Amino acid sequence: KAKTRRSTKKAAAQDVEAAPVKEKAPATEAPAE
């Protein structure tokens, strides 16, 4: 059964809400020039 666009958007929105937010670790050193 083909999914409609509307239900796909709802499913994508639910996935975004349910996914834990990952924070970036601070950079310890600046990259070498």
PDB file of all heavy atoms in Angstrom:
ATOM      1  N   LYS A   1       0.843  -1.175   0.000  1.00  0.00           N
ATOM      2  CA  LYS A   1       0.000   0.000   0.000  1.00  0.00           C
ATOM      3  C   LYS A   1       0.888   1.237   0.000  1.00  0.00           C
ATOM      4  O   LYS A   1       1.780   1.382   0.831  1.00  0.00           O
ATOM      5  CB  LYS A   1      -0.901  -0.001   1.238  1.00  0.00           C
ATOM      6  CG  LYS A   1      -1.928   1.084   1.220  1.00  0.00           C
ATOM      7  CD  LYS A   1      -2.859   0.976   2.400  1.00  0.00           C
ATOM      8  CE  LYS A   1      -3.869   2.092   2.376  1.00  0.00           C
ATOM      9  NZ  LYS A   1      -4.762   2.034   3.538  1.00  0.00           N
ATOM     10  N   ALA A   2       0.631   2.143  -0.915  1.00  0.00           N
ATOM     11  CA  ALA A   2       1.439   3.344  -1.033  1.00  0.00           C
ATOM     12  C   ALA A   2       1.046   4.329   0.048  1.00  0.00           C
ATOM     13  O   ALA A   2      -0.137   4.502   0.354  1.00  0.00           O
ATOM     14  CB  ALA A   2       1.247   3.970  -2.412  1.00  0.00           C
ATOM     15  N   LYS A   3       2.038   4.970   0.631  1.00  0.00           N
ATOM     16  CA  LYS A   3       1.771   5.972   1.649  1.00  0.00           C
ATOM     17  C   LYS A   3       1.501   7.306   0.971  1.00  0.00           C
ATOM     18  O   LYS A   3       2.077   7.615  -0.058  1.00  0.00           O
ATOM     19  CB  LYS A   3       2.975   6.103   2.582  1.00  0.00           C
ATOM     20  CG  LYS A   3       3.230   4.865   3.399  1.00  0.00           C
ATOM     21  CD  LYS A   3       4.397   5.086   4.324  1.00  0.00           C
ATOM     22  CE  LYS A   3       4.649   3.858   5.160  1.00  0.00           C
ATOM     23  NZ  LYS A   3       5.789   4.044   6.064  1.00  0.00           N
ATOM     24  N   THR A   4       0.648   8.091   1.590  1.00  0.00           N
ATOM     25  CA  THR A   4       0.368   9.406   1.035  1.00  0.00           C
ATOM     26  C   THR A   4       1.421  10.383   1.544  1.00  0.00           C
ATOM     27  O   THR A   4       2.109  10.126   2.523  1.00  0.00           O
ATOM     28  CB  THR A   4      -1.030   9.891   1.456  1.00  0.00           C
ATOM     29  OG1 THR A   4      -1.072   9.967   2.884  1.00  0.00           O
ATOM     30  CG2 THR A   4      -2.097   8.930   0.964  1.00  0.00           C
ATOM     31  N   ARG A   5       1.496  11.510   0.910  1.00  0.00           N
ATOM     32  CA  ARG A   5       2.499  12.499   1.302  1.00  0.00           C
ATOM     33  C   ARG A   5       2.205  13.020   2.705  1.00  0.00           C
ATOM     34  O   ARG A   5       3.090  13.311   3.481  1.00  0.00           O
ATOM     35  CB  ARG A   5       2.516  13.650   0.311  1.00  0.00           C
ATOM     36  CG  ARG A   5       2.927  13.198  -1.076  1.00  0.00           C
ATOM     37  CD  ARG A   5       2.967  14.349  -2.003  1.00  0.00           C
ATOM     38  NE  ARG A   5       4.291  14.941  -1.895  1.00  0.00           N
ATOM     39  CZ  ARG A   5       4.625  16.100  -2.407  1.00  0.00           C
ATOM     40  NH1 ARG A   5       3.739  16.816  -3.053  1.00  0.00           N
ATOM     41  NH2 ARG A   5       5.852  16.566  -2.282  1.00  0.00           N
ATOM     42  N   ARG A   6       0.935  13.156   2.991  1.00  0.00           N
ATOM     43  CA  ARG A   6       0.561  13.722   4.278  1.00  0.00           C
ATOM     44  C   ARG A   6       1.015  12.841   5.434  1.00  0.00           C
ATOM     45  O   ARG A   6       1.574  13.325   6.410  1.00  0.00           O
ATOM     46  CB  ARG A   6      -0.954  13.897   4.303  1.00  0.00           C
ATOM     47  CG  ARG A   6      -1.461  14.602   5.514  1.00  0.00           C
ATOM     48  CD  ARG A   6      -2.922  14.882   5.347  1.00  0.00           C
ATOM     49  NE  ARG A   6      -3.410  15.670   6.458  1.00  0.00           N
ATOM     50  CZ  ARG A   6      -4.609  16.128   6.550  1.00  0.00           C
ATOM     51  NH1 ARG A   6      -5.466  15.891   5.582  1.00  0.00           N
ATOM     52  NH2 ARG A   6      -4.986  16.835   7.585  1.00  0.00           N
ATOM     53  N   SER A   7       0.769  11.532   5.300  1.00  0.00           N
ATOM     54  CA  SER A   7       1.160  10.646   6.384  1.00  0.00           C
ATOM     55  C   SER A   7       2.681  10.548   6.491  1.00  0.00           C
ATOM     56  O   SER A   7       3.215  10.345   7.562  1.00  0.00           O
ATOM     57  CB  SER A   7       0.561   9.255   6.190  1.00  0.00           C
ATOM     58  OG  SER A   7       1.079   8.670   5.019  1.00  0.00           O
ATOM     59  N   THR A   8       3.380  10.729   5.408  1.00  0.00           N
ATOM     60  CA  THR A   8       4.837  10.695   5.434  1.00  0.00           C
ATOM     61  C   THR A   8       5.376  11.882   6.223  1.00  0.00           C
ATOM     62  O   THR A   8       6.306  11.754   7.007  1.00  0.00           O
ATOM     63  CB  THR A   8       5.400  10.704   4.004  1.00  0.00           C
ATOM     64  OG1 THR A   8       4.812   9.639   3.284  1.00  0.00           O
ATOM     65  CG2 THR A   8       6.895  10.555   3.998  1.00  0.00           C
ATOM     66  N   LYS A   9       4.778  13.042   6.027  1.00  0.00           N
ATOM     67  CA  LYS A   9       5.227  14.230   6.755  1.00  0.00           C
ATOM     68  C   LYS A   9       4.988  14.065   8.252  1.00  0.00           C
ATOM     69  O   LYS A   9       5.808  14.438   9.067  1.00  0.00           O
ATOM     70  CB  LYS A   9       4.511  15.471   6.236  1.00  0.00           C
ATOM     71  CG  LYS A   9       4.971  15.899   4.868  1.00  0.00           C
ATOM     72  CD  LYS A   9       4.239  17.131   4.423  1.00  0.00           C
ATOM     73  CE  LYS A   9       4.667  17.548   3.026  1.00  0.00           C
ATOM     74  NZ  LYS A   9       3.931  18.712   2.548  1.00  0.00           N
ATOM     75  N   LYS A  10       3.833  13.507   8.610  1.00  0.00           N
ATOM     76  CA  LYS A  10       3.534  13.290  10.027  1.00  0.00           C
ATOM     77  C   LYS A  10       4.541  12.327  10.637  1.00  0.00           C
ATOM     78  O   LYS A  10       5.035  12.535  11.733  1.00  0.00           O
ATOM     79  CB  LYS A  10       2.123  12.732  10.194  1.00  0.00           C
ATOM     80  CG  LYS A  10       1.038  13.748  10.000  1.00  0.00           C
ATOM     81  CD  LYS A  10      -0.312  13.105  10.248  1.00  0.00           C
ATOM     82  CE  LYS A  10      -1.440  14.073  10.049  1.00  0.00           C
ATOM     83  NZ  LYS A  10      -2.739  13.428  10.245  1.00  0.00           N
ATOM     84  N   ALA A  11       4.835  11.264   9.920  1.00  0.00           N
ATOM     85  CA  ALA A  11       5.782  10.276  10.429  1.00  0.00           C
ATOM     86  C   ALA A  11       7.169  10.890  10.574  1.00  0.00           C
ATOM     87  O   ALA A  11       7.879  10.636  11.543  1.00  0.00           O
ATOM     88  CB  ALA A  11       5.834   9.058   9.503  1.00  0.00           C
ATOM     89  N   ALA A  12       7.566  11.729   9.637  1.00  0.00           N
ATOM     90  CA  ALA A  12       8.878  12.371   9.710  1.00  0.00           C
ATOM     91  C   ALA A  12       8.931  13.332  10.891  1.00  0.00           C
ATOM     92  O   ALA A  12       9.934  13.424  11.594  1.00  0.00           O
ATOM     93  CB  ALA A  12       9.184  13.104   8.412  1.00  0.00           C
ATOM     94  N   ALA A  13       7.828  14.064  11.141  1.00  0.00           N
ATOM     95  CA  ALA A  13       7.790  15.001  12.261  1.00  0.00           C
ATOM     96  C   ALA A  13       7.866  14.244  13.590  1.00  0.00           C
ATOM     97  O   ALA A  13       8.535  14.683  14.528  1.00  0.00           O
ATOM     98  CB  ALA A  13       6.524  15.838  12.200  1.00  0.00           C
ATOM     99  N   GLN A  14       7.222  13.122  13.690  1.00  0.00           N
ATOM    100  CA  GLN A  14       7.267  12.321  14.909  1.00  0.00           C
ATOM    101  C   GLN A  14       8.671  11.776  15.135  1.00  0.00           C
ATOM    102  O   GLN A  14       9.142  11.702  16.260  1.00  0.00           O
ATOM    103  CB  GLN A  14       6.263  11.176  14.838  1.00  0.00           C
ATOM    104  CG  GLN A  14       4.821  11.646  14.925  1.00  0.00           C
ATOM    105  CD  GLN A  14       3.835  10.521  14.692  1.00  0.00           C
ATOM    106  OE1 GLN A  14       4.237   9.398  14.381  1.00  0.00           O
ATOM    107  NE2 GLN A  14       2.558  10.814  14.824  1.00  0.00           N
ATOM    108  N   ASP A  15       9.355  11.386  14.083  1.00  0.00           N
ATOM    109  CA  ASP A  15      10.715  10.865  14.203  1.00  0.00           C
ATOM    110  C   ASP A  15      11.668  11.947  14.714  1.00  0.00           C
ATOM    111  O   ASP A  15      12.549  11.691  15.516  1.00  0.00           O
ATOM    112  CB  ASP A  15      11.221  10.322  12.864  1.00  0.00           C
ATOM    113  CG  ASP A  15      10.514   9.037  12.472  1.00  0.00           C
ATOM    114  OD1 ASP A  15       9.907   8.415  13.372  1.00  0.00           O
ATOM    115  OD2 ASP A  15      10.572   8.667  11.287  1.00  0.00           O
ATOM    116  N   VAL A  16      11.483  13.184  14.265  1.00  0.00           N
ATOM    117  CA  VAL A  16      12.347  14.282  14.680  1.00  0.00           C
ATOM    118  C   VAL A  16      12.143  14.579  16.164  1.00  0.00           C
ATOM    119  O   VAL A  16      13.092  14.802  16.909  1.00  0.00           O
ATOM    120  CB  VAL A  16      12.079  15.544  13.811  1.00  0.00           C
ATOM    121  CG1 VAL A  16      12.781  16.754  14.382  1.00  0.00           C
ATOM    122  CG2 VAL A  16      12.517  15.284  12.389  1.00  0.00           C
ATOM    123  N   GLU A  17      10.880  14.567  16.599  1.00  0.00           N
ATOM    124  CA  GLU A  17      10.584  14.837  18.006  1.00  0.00           C
ATOM    125  C   GLU A  17      11.114  13.734  18.904  1.00  0.00           C
ATOM    126  O   GLU A  17      11.601  13.998  20.003  1.00  0.00           O
ATOM    127  CB  GLU A  17       9.074  14.983  18.201  1.00  0.00           C
ATOM    128  CG  GLU A  17       8.500  16.231  17.553  1.00  0.00           C
ATOM    129  CD  GLU A  17       6.985  16.260  17.620  1.00  0.00           C
ATOM    130  OE1 GLU A  17       6.402  15.369  18.267  1.00  0.00           O
ATOM    131  OE2 GLU A  17       6.398  17.166  17.028  1.00  0.00           O
ATOM    132  N   ALA A  18      11.017  12.521  18.466  1.00  0.00           N
ATOM    133  CA  ALA A  18      11.415  11.388  19.294  1.00  0.00           C
ATOM    134  C   ALA A  18      12.932  11.209  19.348  1.00  0.00           C
ATOM    135  O   ALA A  18      13.454  10.645  20.297  1.00  0.00           O
ATOM    136  CB  ALA A  18      10.773  10.108  18.774  1.00  0.00           C
ATOM    137  N   ALA A  19      13.650  11.682  18.354  1.00  0.00           N
ATOM    138  CA  ALA A  19      15.098  11.474  18.303  1.00  0.00           C
ATOM    139  C   ALA A  19      15.784  12.364  19.337  1.00  0.00           C
ATOM    140  O   ALA A  19      15.454  13.541  19.473  1.00  0.00           O
ATOM    141  CB  ALA A  19      15.628  11.785  16.904  1.00  0.00           C
ATOM    142  N   PRO A  20      16.758  11.834  20.100  1.00  0.00           N
ATOM    143  CA  PRO A  20      17.478  12.656  21.073  1.00  0.00           C
ATOM    144  C   PRO A  20      18.402  13.635  20.351  1.00  0.00           C
ATOM    145  O   PRO A  20      18.968  13.325  19.311  1.00  0.00           O
ATOM    146  CB  PRO A  20      18.274  11.633  21.888  1.00  0.00           C
ATOM    147  CG  PRO A  20      18.407  10.459  20.987  1.00  0.00           C
ATOM    148  CD  PRO A  20      17.177  10.459  20.132  1.00  0.00           C
ATOM    149  N   VAL A  21      18.521  14.813  20.924  1.00  0.00           N
ATOM    150  CA  VAL A  21      19.351  15.849  20.318  1.00  0.00           C
ATOM    151  C   VAL A  21      20.790  15.635  20.760  1.00  0.00           C
ATOM    152  O   VAL A  21      21.090  15.532  21.950  1.00  0.00           O
ATOM    153  CB  VAL A  21      18.862  17.256  20.753  1.00  0.00           C
ATOM    154  CG1 VAL A  21      19.752  18.336  20.158  1.00  0.00           C
ATOM    155  CG2 VAL A  21      17.418  17.444  20.355  1.00  0.00           C
ATOM    156  N   LYS A  22      21.699  15.558  19.818  1.00  0.00           N
ATOM    157  CA  LYS A  22      23.115  15.354  20.113  1.00  0.00           C
ATOM    158  C   LYS A  22      23.826  16.704  20.054  1.00  0.00           C
ATOM    159  O   LYS A  22      23.669  17.448  19.085  1.00  0.00           O
ATOM    160  CB  LYS A  22      23.743  14.388  19.105  1.00  0.00           C
ATOM    161  CG  LYS A  22      23.189  12.995  19.182  1.00  0.00           C
ATOM    162  CD  LYS A  22      23.888  12.108  18.174  1.00  0.00           C
ATOM    163  CE  LYS A  22      23.358  10.696  18.229  1.00  0.00           C
ATOM    164  NZ  LYS A  22      23.984   9.835  17.234  1.00  0.00           N
ATOM    165  N   GLU A  23      24.571  17.010  21.085  1.00  0.00           N
ATOM    166  CA  GLU A  23      25.323  18.261  21.092  1.00  0.00           C
ATOM    167  C   GLU A  23      26.748  17.987  20.642  1.00  0.00           C
ATOM    168  O   GLU A  23      27.324  16.947  20.949  1.00  0.00           O
ATOM    169  CB  GLU A  23      25.332  18.858  22.496  1.00  0.00           C
ATOM    170  CG  GLU A  23      23.960  19.289  22.945  1.00  0.00           C
ATOM    171  CD  GLU A  23      24.010  19.940  24.305  1.00  0.00           C
ATOM    172  OE1 GLU A  23      25.109  20.377  24.724  1.00  0.00           O
ATOM    173  OE2 GLU A  23      22.965  20.013  24.940  1.00  0.00           O
ATOM    174  N   LYS A  24      27.336  18.973  19.994  1.00  0.00           N
ATOM    175  CA  LYS A  24      28.704  18.826  19.530  1.00  0.00           C
ATOM    176  C   LYS A  24      29.665  19.089  20.688  1.00  0.00           C
ATOM    177  O   LYS A  24      29.444  19.968  21.508  1.00  0.00           O
ATOM    178  CB  LYS A  24      29.004  19.808  18.397  1.00  0.00           C
ATOM    179  CG  LYS A  24      28.277  19.468  17.120  1.00  0.00           C
ATOM    180  CD  LYS A  24      28.698  20.411  16.025  1.00  0.00           C
ATOM    181  CE  LYS A  24      28.028  20.073  14.718  1.00  0.00           C
ATOM    182  NZ  LYS A  24      28.417  20.987  13.650  1.00  0.00           N
ATOM    183  N   ALA A  25      30.709  18.315  20.729  1.00  0.00           N
ATOM    184  CA  ALA A  25      31.739  18.526  21.755  1.00  0.00           C
ATOM    185  C   ALA A  25      32.553  19.745  21.365  1.00  0.00           C
ATOM    186  O   ALA A  25      32.836  19.953  20.179  1.00  0.00           O
ATOM    187  CB  ALA A  25      32.630  17.301  21.873  1.00  0.00           C
ATOM    188  N   PRO A  26      32.972  20.577  22.320  1.00  0.00           N
ATOM    189  CA  PRO A  26      33.772  21.779  21.969  1.00  0.00           C
ATOM    190  C   PRO A  26      35.129  21.366  21.409  1.00  0.00           C
ATOM    191  O   PRO A  26      35.732  20.392  21.831  1.00  0.00           O
ATOM    192  CB  PRO A  26      33.910  22.519  23.288  1.00  0.00           C
ATOM    193  CG  PRO A  26      33.654  21.498  24.343  1.00  0.00           C
ATOM    194  CD  PRO A  26      32.734  20.489  23.739  1.00  0.00           C
ATOM    195  N   ALA A  27      35.588  22.139  20.481  1.00  0.00           N
ATOM    196  CA  ALA A  27      36.880  21.851  19.860  1.00  0.00           C
ATOM    197  C   ALA A  27      37.990  22.161  20.849  1.00  0.00           C
ATOM    198  O   ALA A  27      38.018  23.240  21.447  1.00  0.00           O
ATOM    199  CB  ALA A  27      37.046  22.669  18.586  1.00  0.00           C
ATOM    200  N   THR A  28      38.914  21.249  21.039  1.00  0.00           N
ATOM    201  CA  THR A  28      40.000  21.441  22.010  1.00  0.00           C
ATOM    202  C   THR A  28      41.157  22.211  21.408  1.00  0.00           C
ATOM    203  O   THR A  28      41.777  23.022  22.061  1.00  0.00           O
ATOM    204  CB  THR A  28      40.505  20.081  22.514  1.00  0.00           C
ATOM    205  OG1 THR A  28      40.888  19.294  21.396  1.00  0.00           O
ATOM    206  CG2 THR A  28      39.429  19.382  23.304  1.00  0.00           C
ATOM    207  N   GLU A  29      41.472  21.971  20.172  1.00  0.00           N
ATOM    208  CA  GLU A  29      42.586  22.644  19.532  1.00  0.00           C
ATOM    209  C   GLU A  29      42.130  23.237  18.222  1.00  0.00           C
ATOM    210  O   GLU A  29      41.275  22.675  17.543  1.00  0.00           O
ATOM    211  CB  GLU A  29      43.719  21.661  19.255  1.00  0.00           C
ATOM    212  CG  GLU A  29      44.358  21.096  20.485  1.00  0.00           C
ATOM    213  CD  GLU A  29      45.487  20.152  20.117  1.00  0.00           C
ATOM    214  OE1 GLU A  29      45.987  20.219  18.970  1.00  0.00           O
ATOM    215  OE2 GLU A  29      45.859  19.352  20.955  1.00  0.00           O
ATOM    216  N   ALA A  30      42.735  24.337  17.867  1.00  0.00           N
ATOM    217  CA  ALA A  30      42.452  24.926  16.569  1.00  0.00           C
ATOM    218  C   ALA A  30      43.223  24.131  15.530  1.00  0.00           C
ATOM    219  O   ALA A  30      44.339  23.681  15.791  1.00  0.00           O
ATOM    220  CB  ALA A  30      42.886  26.390  16.546  1.00  0.00           C
ATOM    221  N   PRO A  31      42.697  23.977  14.391  1.00  0.00           N
ATOM    222  CA  PRO A  31      43.411  23.222  13.355  1.00  0.00           C
ATOM    223  C   PRO A  31      44.678  23.948  12.940  1.00  0.00           C
ATOM    224  O   PRO A  31      44.757  25.179  12.965  1.00  0.00           O
ATOM    225  CB  PRO A  31      42.406  23.141  12.201  1.00  0.00           C
ATOM    226  CG  PRO A  31      41.397  24.202  12.466  1.00  0.00           C
ATOM    227  CD  PRO A  31      41.384  24.438  13.945  1.00  0.00           C
ATOM    228  N   ALA A  32      45.697  23.201  12.610  1.00  0.00           N
ATOM    229  CA  ALA A  32      46.985  23.769  12.217  1.00  0.00           C
ATOM    230  C   ALA A  32      46.834  24.519  10.917  1.00  0.00           C
ATOM    231  O   ALA A  32      46.089  24.106  10.033  1.00  0.00           O
ATOM    232  CB  ALA A  32      48.021  22.665  12.089  1.00  0.00           C
ATOM    233  N   GLU A  33      47.585  25.646  10.819  1.00  0.00           N
ATOM    234  CA  GLU A  33      47.493  26.432   9.604  1.00  0.00           C
ATOM    235  C   GLU A  33      48.254  25.753   8.479  1.00  0.00           C
ATOM    236  O   GLU A  33      49.185  25.003   8.713  1.00  0.00           O
ATOM    237  CB  GLU A  33      48.073  27.817   9.856  1.00  0.00           C
ATOM    238  CG  GLU A  33      47.262  28.619  10.829  1.00  0.00           C
ATOM    239  CD  GLU A  33      47.817  30.013  10.988  1.00  0.00           C
ATOM    240  OE1 GLU A  33      48.616  30.435  10.125  1.00  0.00           O
ATOM    241  OE2 GLU A  33      47.449  30.675  11.950  1.00  0.00           O
TER     242      GLU A  33
END
